[in-house]
Amino acid sequence: MKKQDKTLPLTLLGATVLMIIGSVAGYIIVASKETADNLPVGAEVVPKDVMMTISVSSNPSQWERLQQFGTPESQTAFKNLLGQLRDRFLTTYGYNYQRDIQPWVGEEIMIALLRKQTLEPANSTAPDSPPPPPAQQATVVVLPIADPVKAKQVLDRPRSLQKGQLVKRTYRGIEITETEGVPKQDISAAALGNQYLVITDSQTSINQAIDIYKGDESLAKVPGYTEAIKKLETPSPFGLVYVNIPVAAAYSSSKSITPVSEENLKQLEDNQGVAASINLVPEGINLKAISWLKPNSQKKFTVENKAMEMLNRIPGNALMMISGSNLQKMWSDYVKNAAANPVAPINPETLRQAVKNTTGMNLEEDFLNWMAGEYSLSLLPIPKSKDELNKFAAGFVFMIKTSDRRAAEESLKKLDEAMKNQEFEVGEAVASGEAVVKWTSPFGGFTVIRGWLNGNVAFFTLGGSVENQILPAPTTSMAESAVLQKSLPPESESFNGNFFLDISKSFNPQNLSIPQLPPNQKVWIDGMESIGVTSIVSNNRTTNYDIFVKLKKQEF
């Protein structure tokens, strides 16, 4: 019955599909060059509690390289996004980017997203309380002035608006020009000396930018920010992004159908931020990212970079794979943070109860207790056969290097008995000359194969017959994957974890029967080939990520 099929102990594998990668969208890409302080332009005029900053290159050659990638549809969608931003902050204001901005602007532009509620006076709260969930966000665009003379010539010209009018006011000695009577599009702009032109959609935020320019604390003062940016330095980067984790989580929660309580959001206060630099390479995009904790945080990372074997055990044709150093520790960390994560895919208690109801066994005591070693979950395709109609197009493989072989064998025997009680047919079998245990669903819907690999590595397969691809060893492995290799930092031989997804094959309905994505998401996915991610815990407060996104190329 369906309930039995879905609540097999293998459902605990779902907890492993927790990677950071989605944090950077494939085409909403960002850029930064450094100021004299090696910080992105604008870091000294946006507030310390900014939710997110995106620095975009103003170098036309960088954008020309970007236009080589993707599909015609994704390129059109990307141009539309840029057009919306341009119309919102320039066209409405009477400006044309190529004519009025490009002649004087610096080498990068910063876009900052602020929580609108933090711009308004609020009741005092406890110092360690989480940020209030915002209902709206404000946008600030910082344009560095490389040629003050040309900038003054352009900005002093009278502007004619299609709607509304321009008005001027002064704040702390700085003149602000604002639109008035443009429904939902009123904006404010001010030149900060000869350094920046700041444009915002909030009167309060333009005042705040001036306050910061006059001496209030800026993003540059965020603990660990300067150090993180220095570690991400690369020659001629295409971009840089920064996300304030507690603030972004509060905003995401406020937009979620099931918002996270303030008590649970408080758990994220130990986190400071994530920053990533983006570089264009011949086959796509390389990203280097770093996440860090606040200097006074009670939370600390465990430095455990032991993911060394699994890449050699996973076949190189995998559609998807995820691996890590310690499944027991990963689950423990996930449980602690799941309640505060508005996009957590699995409720820990739901999984515990599912395992208990199906097997009568305890998830932590009977399984995770001996799973303090390397692990991996992968999806392998099944070659199509002209002579045989395959019921499944792919099969899952879960591998775990046990930290206690005896305890593992005892638990697995109990699991076999539990499956018999669920009317599964359980018996010994042989796969590629190796002894295995086979579970067969009473309805013939699927089979599970479990067994052992050399080095105390237990494995399970679910769905299609893929056990022969890992026994006794794969013909080619993920360690040889060209995409994953591009995400492996050359200075390190061991990692905390890896992730790989063959996007073009996985989302092809001829390969896998998965639900079709909405058109506004599918357009971006169709422009990508694959993604590889490697994580390394540098110290007890810092984790580094190396990411490679292979993009489709335009044919000219």
Protein backbone atom coordinates (compact mmCIF):
# COMPACT_ATOMS: atom_id res chain seq x y z
CA MET A 1 0.00 0.00 0.00
CA LYS A 2 1.17 3.52 -0.69
CA LYS A 3 1.71 4.38 2.92
CA GLN A 4 4.08 1.46 3.33
CA ASP A 5 5.97 2.37 0.18
CA LYS A 6 6.48 5.96 1.24
CA THR A 7 7.50 5.34 4.82
CA LEU A 8 10.32 2.88 4.32
CA PRO A 9 13.36 3.54 6.48
CA LEU A 10 14.96 4.91 3.35
CA THR A 11 12.80 7.99 3.77
CA LEU A 12 15.39 9.19 6.24
CA LEU A 13 17.55 9.80 3.19
CA GLY A 14 15.41 12.76 2.36
CA ALA A 15 17.06 14.59 5.22
CA THR A 16 20.34 14.45 3.33
CA VAL A 17 19.00 16.51 0.45
CA LEU A 18 19.83 19.75 2.26
CA MET A 19 22.35 21.80 0.32
CA ILE A 20 22.96 25.43 0.13
CA ILE A 21 23.02 25.78 -3.43
CA GLY A 22 19.77 27.19 -4.17
CA SER A 23 20.87 30.34 -2.46
CA VAL A 24 22.35 31.62 -5.64
CA ALA A 25 20.05 31.81 -8.69
CA GLY A 26 21.59 30.87 -12.01
CA TYR A 27 20.99 34.11 -13.86
CA ILE A 28 20.25 36.74 -11.25
CA ILE A 29 23.99 37.31 -11.17
CA VAL A 30 26.02 39.94 -9.42
CA ALA A 31 29.32 41.72 -9.65
CA SER A 32 31.93 43.65 -7.70
CA LYS A 33 35.25 45.34 -8.00
CA GLU A 34 37.01 46.64 -4.94
CA THR A 35 37.34 50.10 -3.51
CA ALA A 36 40.54 51.21 -1.84
CA ASP A 37 39.38 49.20 1.16
CA ASN A 38 38.85 46.08 -1.01
CA LEU A 39 35.10 46.30 -0.45
CA PRO A 40 32.32 46.45 -3.04
CA VAL A 41 31.33 49.94 -4.09
CA GLY A 42 28.42 51.05 -1.94
CA ALA A 43 29.35 49.02 1.14
CA GLU A 44 30.05 52.29 2.93
CA VAL A 45 26.63 53.86 2.26
CA VAL A 46 24.16 51.00 2.81
CA PRO A 47 23.02 50.12 6.34
CA LYS A 48 24.63 47.52 8.55
CA ASP A 49 21.40 45.50 8.75
CA VAL A 50 20.85 45.40 4.97
CA MET A 51 19.06 42.21 3.95
CA MET A 52 20.96 41.60 0.72
CA THR A 53 23.38 43.37 -1.59
CA ILE A 54 24.07 42.59 -5.22
CA SER A 55 26.95 44.23 -7.05
CA VAL A 56 26.65 44.28 -10.83
CA SER A 57 29.45 44.86 -13.31
CA SER A 58 29.10 47.86 -15.59
CA ASN A 59 31.72 46.48 -18.00
CA PRO A 60 30.00 45.86 -21.37
CA SER A 61 32.42 43.04 -22.25
CA GLN A 62 31.32 41.08 -19.16
CA TRP A 63 27.69 41.34 -20.24
CA GLU A 64 28.60 40.31 -23.78
CA ARG A 65 30.18 37.15 -22.37
CA LEU A 66 27.08 36.47 -20.31
CA GLN A 67 24.91 36.72 -23.42
CA GLN A 68 26.68 33.68 -24.86
CA PHE A 69 24.96 31.47 -22.29
CA GLY A 70 21.48 30.09 -21.84
CA THR A 71 18.64 29.69 -24.30
CA PRO A 72 16.89 32.42 -26.31
CA GLU A 73 14.02 32.18 -23.84
CA SER A 74 16.22 32.53 -20.74
CA GLN A 75 18.08 35.43 -22.34
CA THR A 76 14.78 37.17 -23.02
CA ALA A 77 13.61 36.56 -19.45
CA PHE A 78 16.89 37.93 -18.10
CA LYS A 79 16.66 41.04 -20.27
CA ASN A 80 13.10 41.56 -19.05
CA LEU A 81 14.30 41.47 -15.43
CA LEU A 82 16.96 44.06 -16.18
CA GLY A 83 14.41 46.11 -18.09
CA GLN A 84 12.04 46.17 -15.13
CA LEU A 85 14.84 47.42 -12.87
CA ARG A 86 15.89 50.01 -15.46
CA ASP A 87 12.35 51.27 -15.93
CA ARG A 88 11.74 51.44 -12.19
CA PHE A 89 14.79 53.52 -11.34
CA LEU A 90 15.86 55.26 -14.56
CA THR A 91 13.15 55.52 -17.21
CA THR A 92 10.56 56.74 -14.70
CA TYR A 93 13.08 59.35 -13.62
CA GLY A 94 13.66 60.47 -17.22
CA TYR A 95 17.05 58.80 -17.74
CA ASN A 96 18.48 56.44 -20.35
CA TYR A 97 21.29 54.19 -19.09
CA GLN A 98 23.49 54.22 -22.21
CA ARG A 99 23.08 57.96 -22.77
CA ASP A 100 22.93 59.35 -19.24
CA ILE A 101 24.64 56.87 -16.89
CA GLN A 102 27.24 54.83 -18.75
CA PRO A 103 29.51 57.80 -19.64
CA TRP A 104 30.31 58.56 -15.98
CA VAL A 105 29.50 55.50 -13.89
CA GLY A 106 32.21 53.42 -12.19
CA GLU A 107 33.08 49.79 -12.82
CA GLU A 108 30.25 48.32 -10.74
CA ILE A 109 26.79 49.11 -9.44
CA MET A 110 25.36 47.97 -6.12
CA ILE A 111 21.72 47.05 -5.54
CA ALA A 112 20.73 46.73 -1.88
CA LEU A 113 17.50 45.27 -0.49
CA LEU A 114 16.44 46.64 2.89
CA ARG A 115 13.71 45.64 5.30
CA LYS A 116 11.34 48.57 5.06
CA GLN A 117 10.23 48.28 8.67
CA THR A 118 13.77 48.86 9.92
CA LEU A 119 13.69 52.24 8.19
CA GLU A 120 10.76 53.41 10.29
CA PRO A 121 10.77 54.20 14.02
CA ALA A 122 9.87 51.08 16.02
CA ASN A 123 9.30 50.09 19.61
CA SER A 124 12.46 49.03 21.40
CA THR A 125 13.10 45.30 21.64
CA ALA A 126 15.53 43.11 23.50
CA PRO A 127 19.07 43.32 22.07
CA ASP A 128 19.14 39.63 21.14
CA SER A 129 15.63 39.42 19.69
CA PRO A 130 15.27 38.44 16.02
CA PRO A 131 14.46 41.14 13.46
CA PRO A 132 10.75 41.82 13.00
CA PRO A 133 9.30 40.05 9.97
CA PRO A 134 9.00 42.72 7.27
CA ALA A 135 5.94 43.17 5.12
CA GLN A 136 7.84 45.00 2.37
CA GLN A 137 11.35 45.69 1.19
CA ALA A 138 13.03 48.86 0.01
CA THR A 139 15.55 48.94 -2.83
CA VAL A 140 18.63 51.15 -2.95
CA VAL A 141 20.77 51.51 -6.08
CA VAL A 142 24.29 52.91 -5.59
CA LEU A 143 26.00 54.27 -8.72
CA PRO A 144 29.69 55.16 -8.18
CA ILE A 145 30.79 58.34 -9.93
CA ALA A 146 33.96 57.81 -11.96
CA ASP A 147 33.72 61.10 -13.90
CA PRO A 148 32.23 63.87 -11.70
CA VAL A 149 32.25 66.46 -14.51
CA LYS A 150 30.20 64.32 -16.90
CA ALA A 151 27.94 63.23 -14.07
CA LYS A 152 27.19 66.85 -13.14
CA GLN A 153 26.47 67.76 -16.76
CA VAL A 154 23.95 64.93 -17.07
CA LEU A 155 22.33 65.27 -13.66
CA ASP A 156 21.91 69.05 -13.94
CA ARG A 157 19.83 68.77 -17.13
CA PRO A 158 16.11 69.36 -16.60
CA ARG A 159 14.02 66.20 -16.79
CA SER A 160 10.52 65.84 -18.19
CA LEU A 161 8.42 63.05 -16.73
CA GLN A 162 5.53 61.23 -18.37
CA LYS A 163 3.71 61.31 -15.02
CA GLY A 164 4.08 63.38 -11.88
CA GLN A 165 6.71 66.02 -11.21
CA LEU A 166 10.15 66.48 -9.70
CA VAL A 167 10.52 68.15 -6.32
CA LYS A 168 13.59 68.96 -4.26
CA ARG A 169 14.31 68.93 -0.55
CA THR A 170 17.44 69.11 1.62
CA TYR A 171 18.52 66.69 4.33
CA ARG A 172 21.65 67.32 6.42
CA GLY A 173 22.96 69.70 3.78
CA ILE A 174 22.50 67.32 0.83
CA GLU A 175 19.95 68.06 -1.89
CA ILE A 176 17.51 65.26 -2.68
CA THR A 177 15.47 65.13 -5.89
CA GLU A 178 12.24 63.15 -5.75
CA THR A 179 9.36 62.21 -8.00
CA GLU A 180 5.91 63.12 -6.79
CA GLY A 181 2.62 61.79 -8.09
CA VAL A 182 3.95 58.63 -9.75
CA PRO A 183 1.71 55.89 -8.29
CA LYS A 184 3.70 53.16 -6.54
CA GLN A 185 6.87 54.35 -8.30
CA ASP A 186 7.94 57.49 -6.46
CA ILE A 187 11.71 57.47 -6.03
CA SER A 188 14.36 59.63 -4.40
CA ALA A 189 17.89 60.40 -5.62
CA ALA A 190 20.87 62.22 -4.14
CA ALA A 191 24.51 62.73 -5.03
CA LEU A 192 26.81 62.01 -2.09
CA GLY A 193 29.75 64.30 -2.76
CA ASN A 194 31.62 63.30 -5.91
CA GLN A 195 31.50 59.62 -4.98
CA TYR A 196 28.01 58.20 -5.37
CA LEU A 197 24.60 58.77 -6.87
CA VAL A 198 22.05 56.94 -4.70
CA ILE A 199 18.55 56.16 -6.00
CA THR A 200 15.89 54.56 -3.79
CA ASP A 201 12.16 53.83 -3.70
CA SER A 202 11.90 55.01 -0.08
CA GLN A 203 12.25 58.55 1.27
CA THR A 204 13.42 57.19 4.60
CA SER A 205 16.10 55.03 3.01
CA ILE A 206 17.62 57.98 1.13
CA ASN A 207 17.83 59.79 4.47
CA GLN A 208 19.48 56.73 5.99
CA ALA A 209 22.04 56.58 3.17
CA ILE A 210 22.93 60.20 3.90
CA ASP A 211 23.19 59.45 7.63
CA ILE A 212 25.61 56.61 6.87
CA TYR A 213 27.60 58.82 4.49
CA LYS A 214 27.86 61.32 7.34
CA GLY A 215 29.17 58.72 9.80
CA ASP A 216 26.55 56.16 10.84
CA GLU A 217 27.56 52.48 10.74
CA SER A 218 27.46 50.83 7.32
CA LEU A 219 27.64 47.33 5.86
CA ALA A 220 31.42 47.68 5.96
CA LYS A 221 31.21 47.47 9.78
CA VAL A 222 29.43 44.09 9.86
CA PRO A 223 31.64 41.65 11.84
CA GLY A 224 33.50 39.36 9.48
CA TYR A 225 32.31 41.10 6.30
CA THR A 226 35.64 42.64 5.31
CA GLU A 227 37.50 39.39 6.02
CA ALA A 228 35.00 37.38 3.97
CA ILE A 229 35.28 39.71 0.98
CA LYS A 230 39.08 39.48 1.06
CA LYS A 231 38.91 35.67 0.98
CA LEU A 232 36.69 35.85 -2.09
CA GLU A 233 39.03 38.05 -4.11
CA THR A 234 39.52 36.84 -7.70
CA PRO A 235 40.90 38.60 -10.80
CA SER A 236 38.16 40.50 -12.65
CA PRO A 237 35.15 38.95 -10.91
CA PHE A 238 31.80 39.24 -12.62
CA GLY A 239 30.00 39.80 -9.37
CA LEU A 240 29.49 39.56 -5.64
CA VAL A 241 26.46 38.97 -3.42
CA TYR A 242 25.96 39.24 0.33
CA VAL A 243 22.99 37.94 2.35
CA ASN A 244 22.32 38.72 6.01
CA ILE A 245 21.00 35.32 7.16
CA PRO A 246 18.82 36.35 10.15
CA VAL A 247 17.27 39.26 8.27
CA ALA A 248 16.66 37.24 5.10
CA ALA A 249 15.14 34.38 7.11
CA ALA A 250 12.74 36.77 8.83
CA TYR A 251 11.70 38.20 5.47
CA SER A 252 11.23 34.72 3.94
CA SER A 253 9.19 33.67 6.95
CA SER A 254 6.92 36.70 6.61
CA LYS A 255 6.18 35.67 3.01
CA SER A 256 5.70 31.98 3.82
CA ILE A 257 2.34 30.22 4.11
CA THR A 258 3.63 28.78 7.39
CA PRO A 259 5.69 31.57 9.00
CA VAL A 260 8.34 30.70 11.56
CA SER A 261 7.74 31.88 15.12
CA GLU A 262 9.95 34.65 16.55
CA GLU A 263 11.23 32.16 19.13
CA ASN A 264 12.46 29.83 16.39
CA LEU A 265 13.86 32.68 14.28
CA LYS A 266 15.97 33.61 17.28
CA GLN A 267 17.90 30.37 16.74
CA LEU A 268 19.38 31.89 13.57
CA GLU A 269 20.83 34.89 15.37
CA ASP A 270 24.21 33.15 15.72
CA ASN A 271 24.60 33.29 11.93
CA GLN A 272 25.97 36.44 10.34
CA GLY A 273 25.98 36.10 6.57
CA VAL A 274 26.83 34.44 3.29
CA ALA A 275 28.90 36.11 0.59
CA ALA A 276 29.72 34.80 -2.88
CA SER A 277 31.88 36.00 -5.76
CA ILE A 278 30.90 35.08 -9.31
CA ASN A 279 33.24 34.61 -12.25
CA LEU A 280 32.42 33.89 -15.88
CA VAL A 281 34.38 31.00 -17.37
CA PRO A 282 34.21 29.45 -20.87
CA GLU A 283 31.60 26.83 -19.89
CA GLY A 284 29.53 28.77 -17.40
CA ILE A 285 29.89 30.32 -13.96
CA ASN A 286 32.28 29.67 -11.08
CA LEU A 287 31.19 30.81 -7.64
CA LYS A 288 33.22 30.99 -4.46
CA ALA A 289 31.12 31.44 -1.34
CA ILE A 290 31.72 31.74 2.38
CA SER A 291 29.30 31.64 5.32
CA TRP A 292 30.27 32.74 8.80
CA LEU A 293 28.96 33.04 12.34
CA LYS A 294 28.89 36.11 14.55
CA PRO A 295 32.04 36.50 16.68
CA ASN A 296 30.09 36.10 19.94
CA SER A 297 27.90 33.20 18.79
CA GLN A 298 27.31 30.21 21.02
CA LYS A 299 27.01 28.05 17.93
CA LYS A 300 30.20 26.69 16.38
CA PHE A 301 30.91 24.55 13.32
CA THR A 302 32.49 21.13 13.69
CA VAL A 303 35.63 20.96 11.56
CA GLU A 304 35.16 17.56 9.93
CA ASN A 305 36.27 17.34 6.30
CA LYS A 306 36.22 13.59 5.74
CA ALA A 307 34.22 13.18 2.53
CA MET A 308 36.94 11.40 0.56
CA GLU A 309 35.67 7.94 -0.47
CA MET A 310 32.14 8.43 -1.74
CA LEU A 311 33.03 10.19 -4.99
CA ASN A 312 34.95 7.06 -6.01
CA ARG A 313 32.01 4.78 -5.15
CA ILE A 314 29.28 6.67 -7.03
CA PRO A 315 28.98 5.90 -10.77
CA GLY A 316 29.94 8.76 -13.06
CA ASN A 317 26.58 8.69 -14.85
CA ALA A 318 24.67 9.79 -11.73
CA LEU A 319 21.84 12.22 -12.40
CA MET A 320 22.14 13.54 -8.85
CA MET A 321 24.38 12.93 -5.87
CA ILE A 322 24.94 14.40 -2.45
CA SER A 323 27.63 13.34 0.00
CA GLY A 324 28.91 14.38 3.40
CA SER A 325 31.38 13.60 6.17
CA ASN A 326 29.09 12.53 9.01
CA LEU A 327 25.39 11.71 8.60
CA GLN A 328 24.82 11.55 12.35
CA LYS A 329 26.19 15.09 12.82
CA MET A 330 24.36 16.40 9.76
CA TRP A 331 21.04 15.13 11.13
CA SER A 332 21.76 16.57 14.58
CA ASP A 333 22.47 20.00 13.08
CA TYR A 334 19.41 19.78 10.86
CA VAL A 335 17.13 18.96 13.78
CA LYS A 336 18.42 21.97 15.73
CA ASN A 337 17.78 24.39 12.86
CA ALA A 338 14.74 22.92 11.09
CA ALA A 339 12.19 24.81 13.18
CA ALA A 340 13.82 28.11 12.26
CA ASN A 341 14.14 27.29 8.56
CA PRO A 342 11.09 28.50 6.58
CA VAL A 343 12.03 26.21 3.66
CA ALA A 344 13.08 23.09 5.60
CA PRO A 345 11.91 20.14 3.44
CA ILE A 346 11.41 17.60 6.23
CA ASN A 347 9.86 17.85 9.67
CA PRO A 348 12.18 15.81 11.95
CA GLU A 349 9.35 14.57 14.16
CA THR A 350 7.32 13.48 11.14
CA LEU A 351 10.24 11.40 9.90
CA ARG A 352 10.84 9.88 13.32
CA GLN A 353 7.19 8.90 13.59
CA ALA A 354 7.13 7.46 10.06
CA VAL A 355 10.09 5.20 10.85
CA LYS A 356 8.50 4.18 14.16
CA ASN A 357 5.12 3.40 12.62
CA THR A 358 6.56 1.39 9.74
CA THR A 359 9.32 -0.56 11.45
CA GLY A 360 8.77 -0.21 15.20
CA MET A 361 12.34 1.07 15.38
CA ASN A 362 13.86 4.33 16.64
CA LEU A 363 15.46 6.56 13.99
CA GLU A 364 18.27 7.90 16.19
CA GLU A 365 18.93 4.86 18.40
CA ASP A 366 18.57 2.08 15.82
CA PHE A 367 19.95 3.79 12.72
CA LEU A 368 21.77 7.10 13.16
CA ASN A 369 23.57 5.69 16.19
CA TRP A 370 25.95 3.82 13.83
CA MET A 371 25.93 6.35 10.99
CA ALA A 372 28.71 8.70 12.16
CA GLY A 373 30.66 8.24 8.94
CA GLU A 374 30.70 9.33 5.31
CA TYR A 375 27.42 9.04 3.43
CA SER A 376 25.96 9.62 0.00
CA LEU A 377 22.63 9.58 -1.77
CA SER A 378 22.57 9.34 -5.55
CA LEU A 379 20.11 8.83 -8.39
CA LEU A 380 21.36 6.56 -11.17
CA PRO A 381 19.73 6.21 -14.60
CA ILE A 382 18.77 2.79 -15.94
CA PRO A 383 19.88 2.22 -19.54
CA LYS A 384 16.92 1.85 -21.87
CA SER A 385 16.52 -1.60 -23.37
CA LYS A 386 14.78 -2.44 -26.64
CA ASP A 387 13.97 -5.93 -25.41
CA GLU A 388 12.67 -5.06 -21.94
CA LEU A 389 10.30 -2.37 -20.75
CA ASN A 390 11.75 -0.94 -17.53
CA LYS A 391 9.29 -0.08 -14.80
CA PHE A 392 11.68 2.58 -13.49
CA ALA A 393 13.86 5.05 -15.38
CA ALA A 394 16.24 5.44 -12.44
CA GLY A 395 17.06 4.11 -9.00
CA PHE A 396 18.30 5.61 -5.73
CA VAL A 397 21.46 4.44 -3.99
CA PHE A 398 22.22 5.30 -0.37
CA MET A 399 25.67 4.52 1.07
CA ILE A 400 26.88 4.94 4.64
CA LYS A 401 30.26 4.16 6.14
CA THR A 402 29.33 2.69 9.48
CA SER A 403 31.03 3.79 12.66
CA ASP A 404 29.90 0.55 14.40
CA ARG A 405 29.65 -2.49 12.10
CA ARG A 406 28.20 -4.79 14.77
CA ALA A 407 25.45 -2.36 15.74
CA ALA A 408 24.70 -1.81 12.06
CA GLU A 409 24.28 -5.51 11.34
CA GLU A 410 21.99 -5.97 14.35
CA SER A 411 19.79 -3.06 13.28
CA LEU A 412 19.62 -4.25 9.68
CA LYS A 413 18.52 -7.72 10.76
CA LYS A 414 15.76 -6.14 12.84
CA LEU A 415 14.85 -4.06 9.81
CA ASP A 416 14.58 -7.21 7.66
CA GLU A 417 12.16 -8.70 10.18
CA ALA A 418 10.15 -5.48 10.27
CA MET A 419 9.80 -5.59 6.49
CA LYS A 420 8.58 -9.18 6.68
CA ASN A 421 5.92 -8.02 9.11
CA GLN A 422 4.90 -5.45 6.50
CA GLU A 423 4.35 -8.38 4.10
CA PHE A 424 7.48 -7.70 2.08
CA GLU A 425 9.23 -10.73 0.67
CA VAL A 426 12.71 -10.69 2.23
CA GLY A 427 15.45 -13.07 1.16
CA GLU A 428 19.07 -13.53 0.11
CA ALA A 429 20.14 -12.81 -3.45
CA VAL A 430 23.29 -12.35 -5.54
CA ALA A 431 24.24 -9.20 -7.47
CA SER A 432 27.43 -9.07 -9.55
CA GLY A 433 28.71 -12.05 -7.56
CA GLU A 434 28.09 -10.36 -4.21
CA ALA A 435 25.67 -11.60 -1.53
CA VAL A 436 22.85 -9.13 -0.89
CA VAL A 437 19.44 -9.01 0.80
CA LYS A 438 16.41 -8.29 -1.37
CA TRP A 439 13.06 -6.87 -0.26
CA THR A 440 10.16 -7.18 -2.68
CA SER A 441 6.98 -5.18 -2.24
CA PRO A 442 3.87 -7.35 -1.76
CA PHE A 443 2.32 -5.50 -4.67
CA GLY A 444 5.36 -5.85 -6.92
CA GLY A 445 5.72 -2.08 -7.04
CA PHE A 446 9.42 -1.93 -6.25
CA THR A 447 12.36 -3.73 -4.69
CA VAL A 448 15.04 -2.75 -2.22
CA ILE A 449 18.52 -4.25 -2.34
CA ARG A 450 20.84 -3.89 0.62
CA GLY A 451 24.36 -5.15 1.18
CA TRP A 452 27.94 -4.27 2.04
CA LEU A 453 30.84 -2.77 0.12
CA ASN A 454 34.49 -2.99 1.13
CA GLY A 455 35.44 -0.71 4.01
CA ASN A 456 32.35 -1.20 6.17
CA VAL A 457 30.12 0.69 3.76
CA ALA A 458 26.47 -0.36 3.84
CA PHE A 459 24.31 0.36 0.80
CA PHE A 460 20.64 0.38 -0.13
CA THR A 461 19.08 0.67 -3.58
CA LEU A 462 15.48 1.67 -4.16
CA GLY A 463 13.42 1.72 -7.32
CA GLY A 464 15.08 0.50 -10.49
CA SER A 465 17.77 -2.17 -10.56
CA VAL A 466 20.99 -0.17 -10.18
CA GLU A 467 22.96 -2.38 -7.76
CA ASN A 468 25.10 -3.77 -10.60
CA GLN A 469 26.37 -0.26 -11.28
CA ILE A 470 28.07 -0.06 -7.85
CA LEU A 471 29.08 -3.71 -7.38
CA PRO A 472 31.87 -4.44 -6.97
CA ALA A 473 32.89 -0.92 -8.09
CA PRO A 474 31.65 1.52 -10.74
CA THR A 475 33.26 1.52 -14.18
CA THR A 476 33.66 5.30 -13.99
CA SER A 477 33.07 7.36 -10.85
CA MET A 478 31.90 10.84 -9.89
CA ALA A 479 35.49 11.58 -8.91
CA GLU A 480 36.11 11.77 -12.67
CA SER A 481 33.14 14.06 -13.38
CA ALA A 482 34.32 17.13 -15.32
CA VAL A 483 31.63 19.33 -13.76
CA LEU A 484 32.33 18.20 -10.20
CA GLN A 485 36.08 18.53 -10.74
CA LYS A 486 35.58 22.22 -11.50
CA SER A 487 34.02 22.64 -8.03
CA LEU A 488 36.89 20.92 -6.19
CA PRO A 489 39.40 23.45 -4.79
CA PRO A 490 42.89 22.33 -5.90
CA GLU A 491 44.44 23.19 -2.54
CA SER A 492 42.38 20.60 -0.64
CA GLU A 493 42.11 16.81 -0.94
CA SER A 494 39.28 16.28 1.57
CA PHE A 495 35.91 17.97 1.85
CA ASN A 496 32.94 18.28 4.15
CA GLY A 497 30.56 17.39 1.36
CA ASN A 498 29.72 17.44 -2.34
CA PHE A 499 26.62 17.94 -4.45
CA PHE A 500 25.98 17.31 -8.15
CA LEU A 501 22.90 17.63 -10.34
CA ASP A 502 22.68 16.90 -14.06
CA ILE A 503 19.99 19.47 -14.73
CA SER A 504 19.45 18.89 -18.45
CA LYS A 505 18.94 15.13 -18.05
CA SER A 506 17.05 15.21 -14.75
CA PHE A 507 14.45 17.70 -15.99
CA ASN A 508 14.05 16.02 -19.38
CA PRO A 509 10.64 14.25 -19.36
CA GLN A 510 12.06 11.58 -21.68
CA ASN A 511 14.44 10.54 -18.89
CA LEU A 512 12.44 11.05 -15.69
CA SER A 513 8.72 11.40 -15.06
CA ILE A 514 8.78 14.37 -12.71
CA PRO A 515 6.22 17.17 -12.41
CA GLN A 516 6.77 19.97 -14.89
CA LEU A 517 8.01 23.23 -13.43
CA PRO A 518 5.99 26.44 -13.78
CA PRO A 519 7.02 28.39 -16.92
CA ASN A 520 8.66 31.18 -14.90
CA GLN A 521 11.00 28.60 -13.31
CA LYS A 522 11.42 26.29 -16.29
CA VAL A 523 12.84 29.09 -18.42
CA TRP A 524 15.90 29.34 -16.11
CA ILE A 525 16.34 25.58 -15.70
CA ASP A 526 16.32 25.10 -19.47
CA GLY A 527 19.37 27.35 -19.74
CA MET A 528 21.50 25.18 -17.44
CA GLU A 529 23.37 21.93 -18.02
CA SER A 530 24.56 20.88 -14.55
CA ILE A 531 25.84 22.10 -11.19
CA GLY A 532 28.59 20.89 -8.87
CA VAL A 533 29.21 22.03 -5.28
CA THR A 534 31.96 21.33 -2.75
CA SER A 535 31.92 22.48 0.88
CA ILE A 536 34.84 22.73 3.31
CA VAL A 537 34.59 23.75 6.97
CA SER A 538 37.57 26.08 7.38
CA ASN A 539 37.28 26.63 11.14
CA ASN A 540 34.64 26.59 13.86
CA ARG A 541 33.03 29.77 12.51
CA THR A 542 33.55 29.62 8.74
CA THR A 543 32.47 27.32 5.90
CA ASN A 544 33.62 27.70 2.29
CA TYR A 545 31.78 26.60 -0.85
CA ASP A 546 33.07 26.16 -4.39
CA ILE A 547 30.34 25.99 -7.03
CA PHE A 548 30.41 25.44 -10.78
CA VAL A 549 27.31 25.95 -12.91
CA LYS A 550 27.63 24.67 -16.47
CA LEU A 551 25.37 26.67 -18.78
CA LYS A 552 24.07 25.99 -22.24
CA LYS A 553 25.69 28.12 -24.92
CA GLN A 554 24.04 30.11 -27.64
CA GLU A 555 24.84 28.91 -31.15
CA PHE A 556 25.81 31.76 -33.46
